[in-house]
């Protein structure tokens, strides 16, 4: 049986550490330039160095995205960037542009080169082309079915790797190459500045009647005509493994540590269960489904894996996420008196019941007995984001455990 890599996104050093602890085999991150998530926090060179060292300590690989479609003025900066990365030593570079690829091959040939989904990789001849140029791995276009991926696997060298997205947001544009954002706002999606116009609500305005809007409605459900459901393949691990995919990629390089922990932990257990015993994987399916729905999500689809999606893969009445849990913080050190240090992310109060989310799959319900600020002053609640606090929890926690609170109204939405 093939043992695919579980590849998890990270928007920051904190999230990278969470991904590593909660089950990633590899993590992909962006630096402060040349990646396609300009609005993400991204990593400074020093943070990248620390993150790579942390991951390697746990036997986890780190790949750095450099997948913009470069213009002339980018090329000198790309060269300098790769010279800096050469000193830090990530395990791979994710690249879309052929010119950027050749610069990486020249400057840091010892770092693996992976071809981004942005390069529209839809057939085995394209895979062979990149292999002959020195690429180790190609990320399949999201528009491919499992049958097509299986055919690619049969027609490329066995040591060449296939990476495919298996979970997360779906882009309306072919392999993520979008022109809408640039057209509407001047912010180029292919340079990392996408404004996500696929999630907007649209109407038609007739040229001679300005200000008179006519809603674009397929039916009574609404006008979010480009708004795809999120990809989720947790129920189809056997098909993914049998297709010959080497790396299972989770989308979400702007997501929180709670999201990353939930997805990583769930897919880690599903993969391990299946590889240990397919019957165990089938028996635990209800747990995987419950856990994965604890993330923020937009309902789920299997994308293109089983054929071209139909209208059932779109959401027409809303562009909001379903949110089951609120992220409160990550456990840091423990004091002699039993209190835990956290950097708070959302408000919680003394007396509340919250959950400690552990990497091994357990969720421990605890009560918040007390909250103290860094000076030792007792507080009734923690209302200020990013505030460092000491909390007394009626339960045992470990460093890197996640604190979360279940929403009272299941299915509460957020933007």
Foldseek 3Di string as FASTA:
>chain_A
DAQAFEEFEALFLLLLLLLLQQAGQEYEFEACFQAQANVGNGDHLVSLLVSQVSNVVSNHAYEYENAFQDDPVCLVVLLVVLLSVLVSDGQEYEYAYPSSVVSNCVRRVVHAYEYALNNAAQALVVVQVVVVVRHQEYEHWLQDALVRLLVSCVRHDVRRAYEYEAWWADFLDGSQQDDVQCVPPVQGSSRNGRPPPLLDFDWDDDPVHPPDTHGDDPDPQAGSVSAFWIGHCLVPVVSNVSSPHRYHYYDDNRDDSVLSSLVNLLSSVLSVQCVVPVVSSVVCVVVSVVSNLQHWTRDYDNDDHPHHDDPVRGRGRHSWTFHFKAFFFFWADADPVGWTKTQTAAKDFAQDWKWWARSNGDIHIWGFHWKAAPVGHTDGMDHDGRGIIITHIPDDDDGGTTIMHTDPDGRDIDD
